[in-house]
């Protein structure tokens, strides 16, 4: 009972700061509650959303993307009913922000840590797609993780038996949503050039441009910059 009472008080206070768009306060709040406490999930979601907004605004991005990734994941896990009183958050939006946080973190981390974040992004994007079938954002994040994970394979295709399967899967995900993607661009640090001719590591012609259309966008989409 004490835990539930404390959570209720914390939630009421947090929602006041939420209504004022006080993201610094929300990002810094300590969330101390049990998953079974009513409203605990909302505290994690608010904290994660606030951290995400601060990170996208360039305010200590590494710290706040880590905070967003941790808090949003916990919030999603603990949320059973997405009709949240006084909060304009939904499952699709929250998954998008979680995946975007992980996408950013995979390039901020190095070595094994970066690889672990990429694996986490792929698993999270798969969960996102399963919960929101047909989501263009989910397909984007899933293929982004796939391509980053295939960097070594693309440089040494003969020694990577899974390359063919992964590329075919990415391209098949792209074609049903043709025209939904943003303008193609090449991202630094990736092994292919968008203007290159064709890649034949699987015996199936796949253009580098098609692969980049799956995983590249000219700018962050509106779903990442919404304003309440």
Protein backbone atom coordinates (compact mmCIF):
# COMPACT_ATOMS: atom_id res chain seq x y z
CA UNK A 1 0.00 0.00 0.00
CA UNK A 2 2.85 2.39 0.81
CA UNK A 3 4.44 1.72 -2.59
CA UNK A 4 1.16 2.31 -4.43
CA UNK A 5 0.52 5.51 -2.50
CA UNK A 6 4.02 6.80 -3.28
CA UNK A 7 3.57 5.99 -6.98
CA UNK A 8 0.22 7.80 -7.11
CA UNK A 9 1.77 10.94 -5.57
CA UNK A 10 4.76 10.76 -7.95
CA UNK A 11 2.46 10.32 -10.95
CA UNK A 12 0.33 13.32 -10.02
CA UNK A 13 3.44 15.48 -9.64
CA UNK A 14 4.97 14.22 -12.88
CA UNK A 15 1.79 14.96 -14.85
CA UNK A 16 1.90 18.59 -13.71
CA UNK A 17 5.41 18.89 -15.17
CA UNK A 18 4.23 17.01 -18.27
CA UNK A 19 1.47 19.55 -18.86
CA UNK A 20 4.11 22.32 -18.74
CA UNK A 21 6.49 20.51 -21.15
CA UNK A 22 9.08 20.54 -18.37
CA UNK A 23 11.28 17.90 -19.98
CA UNK A 24 14.38 18.65 -17.91
CA UNK A 25 12.52 17.91 -14.69
CA UNK A 26 10.89 14.77 -16.08
CA UNK A 27 14.19 13.44 -17.44
CA UNK A 28 15.84 13.93 -14.08
CA UNK A 29 13.15 12.41 -11.90
CA UNK A 30 13.86 9.16 -10.06
CA UNK A 31 11.29 6.50 -10.88
CA UNK A 32 10.99 4.23 -7.85
CA UNK A 33 8.01 1.95 -8.17
CA UNK A 34 7.08 -1.65 -8.75
CA UNK A 35 5.80 -2.78 -12.16
CA UNK A 36 2.58 -3.84 -10.45
CA UNK A 37 1.94 -0.32 -9.08
CA UNK A 38 -0.78 1.50 -10.98
CA UNK A 39 0.83 4.34 -12.90
CA UNK A 40 4.39 3.02 -12.70
CA UNK A 41 4.40 2.42 -16.45
CA UNK A 42 3.33 6.02 -17.08
CA UNK A 43 6.24 7.36 -15.03
CA UNK A 44 8.68 5.37 -17.16
CA UNK A 45 6.98 6.53 -20.37
CA UNK A 46 7.05 10.19 -19.35
CA UNK A 47 10.69 10.02 -18.29
CA UNK A 48 11.65 8.22 -21.51
CA UNK A 49 9.75 10.67 -23.70
CA UNK A 50 11.40 13.62 -21.95
CA UNK A 51 14.88 12.12 -22.30
CA UNK A 52 14.22 11.43 -25.98
CA UNK A 53 13.17 15.03 -26.65
CA UNK A 54 16.23 16.42 -24.90
CA UNK A 55 18.52 14.07 -26.83
CA UNK A 56 16.99 15.07 -30.18
CA UNK A 57 17.43 18.72 -29.17
CA UNK A 58 21.16 18.07 -28.78
CA UNK A 59 21.23 18.26 -24.99
CA UNK A 60 23.72 15.63 -23.79
CA UNK A 61 22.54 13.19 -26.47
CA UNK A 62 24.46 10.13 -25.28
CA UNK A 63 23.16 10.46 -21.72
CA UNK A 64 19.60 11.18 -22.77
CA UNK A 65 19.38 8.56 -25.55
CA UNK A 66 20.53 5.97 -23.00
CA UNK A 67 17.89 7.24 -20.58
CA UNK A 68 15.23 7.17 -23.32
CA UNK A 69 16.13 3.63 -24.39
CA UNK A 70 15.97 2.30 -20.83
CA UNK A 71 12.82 4.14 -19.73
CA UNK A 72 10.79 3.67 -22.91
CA UNK A 73 11.54 -0.05 -22.98
CA UNK A 74 10.38 -0.41 -19.38
CA UNK A 75 7.30 1.68 -20.08
CA UNK A 76 6.33 -0.47 -23.07
CA UNK A 77 6.86 -3.70 -21.13
CA UNK A 78 4.68 -2.51 -18.26
CA UNK A 79 1.85 -0.96 -20.31
CA UNK A 80 -1.16 -3.18 -20.91
CA UNK A 81 -3.69 -0.50 -21.79
CA UNK A 82 -2.56 2.29 -24.14
CA UNK A 83 -5.44 4.66 -23.40
CA UNK A 84 -3.43 6.78 -20.99
CA UNK A 85 -5.27 9.51 -19.11
CA UNK A 86 -3.75 12.98 -19.66
CA UNK A 87 -0.90 11.57 -21.79
CA UNK A 88 -0.84 11.83 -25.58
CA UNK A 89 1.37 8.77 -25.96
CA UNK A 90 0.58 5.63 -27.91
CA UNK A 91 2.34 2.34 -28.56
CA UNK A 92 3.46 3.08 -32.14
CA UNK A 93 4.90 6.49 -31.24
CA UNK A 94 6.70 5.07 -28.22
CA UNK A 95 8.20 2.20 -30.20
CA UNK A 96 9.38 4.68 -32.85
CA UNK A 97 11.11 6.83 -30.27
CA UNK A 98 12.68 3.79 -28.61
CA UNK A 99 13.99 2.50 -31.95
CA UNK A 100 15.30 5.92 -32.92
CA UNK A 101 17.14 6.15 -29.59
CA UNK A 102 18.79 2.79 -30.24
CA UNK A 103 19.58 3.75 -33.84
CA UNK A 104 21.42 6.84 -32.61
CA UNK A 105 23.19 4.94 -29.83
CA UNK A 106 24.61 2.28 -32.14
CA UNK A 107 26.77 4.97 -33.76
CA UNK A 108 27.69 6.65 -30.47
CA UNK A 109 28.95 3.39 -28.97
CA UNK A 110 32.07 1.53 -30.07
CA UNK A 111 33.04 -2.08 -30.57
CA UNK A 112 31.11 -4.72 -28.65
CA UNK A 113 28.81 -2.13 -27.08
CA UNK A 114 27.80 -0.86 -30.52
CA UNK A 115 27.15 -4.41 -31.74
CA UNK A 116 24.98 -5.10 -28.71
CA UNK A 117 22.90 -1.97 -29.37
CA UNK A 118 22.45 -3.03 -33.00
CA UNK A 119 21.19 -6.44 -31.85
CA UNK A 120 18.86 -4.70 -29.42
CA UNK A 121 17.56 -2.44 -32.20
CA UNK A 122 16.80 -5.42 -34.39
CA UNK A 123 14.91 -7.28 -31.66
CA UNK A 124 12.98 -4.15 -30.70
CA UNK A 125 12.08 -3.38 -34.32
CA UNK A 126 10.83 -6.95 -34.75
CA UNK A 127 8.62 -6.51 -31.68
CA UNK A 128 7.44 -3.16 -33.07
CA UNK A 129 6.49 -4.73 -36.40
CA UNK A 130 4.71 -7.61 -34.67
CA UNK A 131 2.64 -5.20 -32.56
CA UNK A 132 2.03 -2.74 -35.43
CA UNK A 133 1.86 -4.84 -38.64
CA UNK A 134 2.62 -2.91 -41.81
CA UNK A 135 4.32 -0.02 -40.00
CA UNK A 136 6.75 1.72 -42.38
CA UNK A 137 8.74 3.00 -39.39
CA UNK A 138 9.14 -0.52 -37.99
CA UNK A 139 10.39 -1.83 -41.35
CA UNK A 140 12.82 1.09 -41.60
CA UNK A 141 14.35 0.41 -38.18
CA UNK A 142 14.47 -3.34 -38.73
CA UNK A 143 16.31 -2.96 -42.02
CA UNK A 144 18.59 -0.32 -40.57
CA UNK A 145 19.71 -2.81 -37.94
CA UNK A 146 20.06 -5.55 -40.55
CA UNK A 147 22.29 -3.47 -42.80
CA UNK A 148 24.56 -2.27 -40.01
CA UNK A 149 24.87 -5.85 -38.84
CA UNK A 150 25.84 -6.89 -42.37
CA UNK A 151 28.72 -4.41 -42.78
CA UNK A 152 31.42 -7.09 -42.57
CA UNK A 153 29.40 -9.45 -44.78
CA UNK A 154 29.09 -6.86 -47.53
CA UNK A 155 32.86 -6.49 -47.57
CA UNK A 156 33.40 -10.28 -47.66
CA UNK A 157 30.24 -11.77 -49.22
CA UNK A 158 31.80 -15.15 -50.02
CA UNK A 159 32.43 -15.85 -46.34
CA UNK A 160 28.96 -14.84 -45.15
CA UNK A 161 26.26 -17.42 -45.97
CA UNK A 162 23.48 -15.37 -44.34
CA UNK A 163 24.05 -12.35 -46.60
CA UNK A 164 21.75 -13.55 -49.40
CA UNK A 165 18.90 -14.31 -47.03
CA UNK A 166 19.17 -10.94 -45.29
CA UNK A 167 19.34 -8.87 -48.50
CA UNK A 168 16.38 -10.70 -50.03
CA UNK A 169 14.39 -10.06 -46.87
CA UNK A 170 15.24 -6.36 -46.85
CA UNK A 171 14.28 -5.85 -50.47
CA UNK A 172 11.05 -7.81 -50.09
CA UNK A 173 10.14 -5.56 -47.16
CA UNK A 174 10.79 -2.49 -49.30
CA UNK A 175 8.77 -3.31 -52.41
CA UNK A 176 5.26 -3.49 -50.86
CA UNK A 177 5.74 0.05 -49.54
CA UNK A 178 7.30 1.53 -52.69
CA UNK A 179 6.96 5.28 -52.63
CA UNK A 180 6.62 5.51 -48.84
CA UNK A 181 10.29 6.14 -48.18
CA UNK A 182 12.19 9.39 -48.07
CA UNK A 183 14.73 10.50 -50.66
CA UNK A 184 17.76 8.25 -50.97
CA UNK A 185 21.00 9.37 -49.39
CA UNK A 186 24.28 7.67 -48.53
CA UNK A 187 25.13 7.51 -44.84
CA UNK A 188 28.81 7.75 -43.80
CA UNK A 189 30.54 4.65 -42.56
CA UNK A 190 28.43 2.16 -44.53
CA UNK A 191 30.06 -0.10 -47.10
CA UNK A 192 28.06 0.61 -50.28
CA UNK A 193 27.69 3.73 -52.36
CA UNK A 194 24.12 4.60 -53.35
CA UNK A 195 25.20 5.30 -56.90
CA UNK A 196 26.99 1.97 -57.40
CA UNK A 197 25.68 -0.35 -60.08
CA UNK A 198 24.66 -3.78 -58.82
CA UNK A 199 25.52 -6.17 -56.03
CA UNK A 200 25.42 -9.90 -56.86
CA UNK A 201 26.60 -11.64 -53.67
CA UNK A 202 23.59 -13.98 -53.71
CA UNK A 203 23.32 -14.64 -57.40
CA UNK A 204 20.23 -12.40 -57.36
CA UNK A 205 20.67 -8.89 -58.79
CA UNK A 206 20.00 -6.33 -56.07
CA UNK A 207 20.90 -2.71 -56.60
CA UNK A 208 22.76 -0.85 -53.90
CA UNK A 209 20.25 1.94 -54.39
CA UNK A 210 17.40 -0.39 -53.42
CA UNK A 211 19.19 -1.35 -50.22
CA UNK A 212 19.79 2.29 -49.36
CA UNK A 213 16.18 3.16 -50.04
CA UNK A 214 15.27 0.70 -47.31
CA UNK A 215 17.56 2.14 -44.69
CA UNK A 216 18.20 5.79 -45.57
CA UNK A 217 16.21 8.98 -45.17
CA UNK A 218 17.11 12.55 -45.97
CA UNK A 219 15.89 13.89 -42.64
CA UNK A 220 14.19 12.78 -39.45
CA UNK A 221 10.53 12.08 -40.07
CA UNK A 222 7.73 14.11 -38.45
CA UNK A 223 6.92 11.29 -36.02
CA UNK A 224 10.23 12.06 -34.23
CA UNK A 225 9.61 15.80 -33.90
CA UNK A 226 5.99 16.09 -32.94
CA UNK A 227 5.06 18.89 -30.56
CA UNK A 228 2.21 18.60 -28.13
